[in-house]
């Protein structure tokens, strides 16, 4: 599979993730909380301000390690039937990979996903502070 085929396949996958998040995900507080929780932990561990900053500053080795970890976590969660957590991992991983694509539409879709992830982190932190 060449780069164009990979990008076309990813573009289709990104479109599906964005469509699903728009139609279903943003209405599901638990899913948004899980995305915010996972992204928030990653951001905190990296000592970044937000998801966009983290993505722009990650090294190639850090990218590879994070992507491998997300793939492993997502697979374990899927196998355990923890679908919403796997959904959160998928959104984060898709955003991470979108940053590597050259297609203009894919980059724009990735930016939309980044905004949703950063908003989910804000939502998660807000909900967490209400409980404390």
Protein backbone atom coordinates (compact mmCIF):
# COMPACT_ATOMS: atom_id res chain seq x y z
CA UNK A 1 0.00 0.00 0.00
CA UNK A 2 1.46 3.35 -1.00
CA UNK A 3 1.22 6.66 0.87
CA UNK A 4 -1.77 7.88 -1.17
CA UNK A 5 -3.74 4.71 -0.39
CA UNK A 6 -2.85 4.97 3.30
CA UNK A 7 -3.90 8.62 3.40
CA UNK A 8 -7.16 7.90 1.54
CA UNK A 9 -8.00 5.09 3.97
CA UNK A 10 -7.16 7.27 6.95
CA UNK A 11 -9.16 10.19 5.56
CA UNK A 12 -12.19 7.93 5.32
CA UNK A 13 -11.64 6.69 8.89
CA UNK A 14 -11.22 10.24 10.20
CA UNK A 15 -14.44 11.29 8.48
CA UNK A 16 -16.26 8.39 10.14
CA UNK A 17 -14.85 9.23 13.59
CA UNK A 18 -15.84 12.90 13.20
CA UNK A 19 -19.31 11.99 11.95
CA UNK A 20 -19.87 9.62 14.85
CA UNK A 21 -18.58 12.10 17.41
CA UNK A 22 -20.83 14.80 15.95
CA UNK A 23 -23.93 12.60 15.80
CA UNK A 24 -23.47 10.56 18.97
CA UNK A 25 -20.32 11.23 20.95
CA UNK A 26 -20.91 14.82 21.95
CA UNK A 27 -24.30 13.82 23.37
CA UNK A 28 -22.70 11.11 25.52
CA UNK A 29 -21.26 12.70 28.67
CA UNK A 30 -19.48 9.49 29.66
CA UNK A 31 -17.72 9.23 26.29
CA UNK A 32 -16.66 12.88 26.44
CA UNK A 33 -15.52 12.42 30.04
CA UNK A 34 -13.42 9.41 29.00
CA UNK A 35 -11.84 11.29 26.10
CA UNK A 36 -11.09 14.23 28.42
CA UNK A 37 -9.74 11.96 31.13
CA UNK A 38 -7.36 10.11 28.82
CA UNK A 39 -6.20 13.21 26.95
CA UNK A 40 -5.86 15.10 30.23
CA UNK A 41 -3.58 12.40 31.64
CA UNK A 42 -1.45 12.37 28.50
CA UNK A 43 -1.22 16.18 28.51
CA UNK A 44 -0.35 16.26 32.20
CA UNK A 45 2.31 13.54 31.86
CA UNK A 46 3.87 15.48 28.97
CA UNK A 47 3.66 18.73 30.95
CA UNK A 48 1.87 20.40 28.05
CA UNK A 49 -0.82 23.09 28.23
CA UNK A 50 -3.29 21.32 25.94
CA UNK A 51 -3.69 18.62 23.31
CA UNK A 52 -2.71 20.84 20.36
CA UNK A 53 0.50 21.92 22.07
CA UNK A 54 1.36 18.34 22.94
CA UNK A 55 0.88 17.20 19.34
CA UNK A 56 3.01 20.00 17.95
CA UNK A 57 5.89 19.28 20.33
CA UNK A 58 5.98 15.47 20.35
CA UNK A 59 9.11 13.78 19.02
CA UNK A 60 8.98 10.95 16.48
CA UNK A 61 9.93 8.42 19.16
CA UNK A 62 7.33 9.87 21.53
CA UNK A 63 4.73 9.71 18.76
CA UNK A 64 5.54 6.06 18.05
CA UNK A 65 5.48 5.11 21.72
CA UNK A 66 2.17 6.91 22.32
CA UNK A 67 0.56 5.39 19.24
CA UNK A 68 1.69 1.88 20.24
CA UNK A 69 0.35 2.39 23.76
CA UNK A 70 -2.98 3.68 22.44
CA UNK A 71 -3.28 0.70 20.09
CA UNK A 72 -2.57 -1.72 22.94
CA UNK A 73 -4.99 0.02 25.32
CA UNK A 74 -7.70 0.23 22.69
CA UNK A 75 -7.42 -3.45 21.83
CA UNK A 76 -7.54 -4.50 25.51
CA UNK A 77 -10.56 -2.29 26.16
CA UNK A 78 -12.35 -3.60 23.08
CA UNK A 79 -11.66 -7.21 24.09
CA UNK A 80 -12.92 -6.49 27.61
CA UNK A 81 -16.13 -5.03 26.18
CA UNK A 82 -15.30 -1.55 27.44
CA UNK A 83 -16.54 0.06 24.24
CA UNK A 84 -16.73 3.69 25.41
CA UNK A 85 -13.16 3.62 26.70
CA UNK A 86 -12.01 2.07 23.41
CA UNK A 87 -13.94 4.85 21.64
CA UNK A 88 -11.99 7.45 23.63
CA UNK A 89 -8.69 5.79 22.73
CA UNK A 90 -9.72 5.70 19.08
CA UNK A 91 -10.51 9.43 19.04
CA UNK A 92 -7.17 10.31 20.63
CA UNK A 93 -5.21 7.99 18.35
CA UNK A 94 -6.99 9.29 15.26
CA UNK A 95 -6.14 12.85 16.24
CA UNK A 96 -2.52 11.89 16.80
CA UNK A 97 -2.21 10.26 13.37
CA UNK A 98 -4.10 13.06 11.58
CA UNK A 99 -1.18 15.32 12.39
CA UNK A 100 1.07 13.21 10.13
CA UNK A 101 -1.11 13.39 7.02
CA UNK A 102 -0.46 15.73 4.11
CA UNK A 103 -4.00 16.02 2.69
CA UNK A 104 -5.53 19.45 3.38
CA UNK A 105 -8.99 18.06 4.23
CA UNK A 106 -7.48 15.49 6.58
CA UNK A 107 -5.48 18.19 8.35
CA UNK A 108 -8.65 20.29 8.73
CA UNK A 109 -10.56 17.28 10.07
CA UNK A 110 -7.71 16.65 12.50
CA UNK A 111 -7.99 20.25 13.73
CA UNK A 112 -11.71 19.74 14.41
CA UNK A 113 -10.92 16.59 16.36
CA UNK A 114 -8.22 18.46 18.31
CA UNK A 115 -10.75 21.11 19.32
CA UNK A 116 -13.15 18.42 20.50
CA UNK A 117 -10.40 16.73 22.51
CA UNK A 118 -9.32 19.99 24.16
CA UNK A 119 -12.99 20.75 24.96
CA UNK A 120 -13.35 17.25 26.43
CA UNK A 121 -10.38 17.91 28.70
CA UNK A 122 -12.03 21.14 29.89
CA UNK A 123 -15.28 19.23 30.48
CA UNK A 124 -13.43 16.47 32.37
CA UNK A 125 -11.58 18.97 34.57
CA UNK A 126 -14.82 20.83 35.28
CA UNK A 127 -16.65 17.64 36.25
CA UNK A 128 -13.71 16.50 38.36
CA UNK A 129 -13.59 19.82 40.25
CA UNK A 130 -17.34 19.57 40.98
CA UNK A 131 -16.75 16.25 42.73
CA UNK A 132 -13.95 17.63 44.91
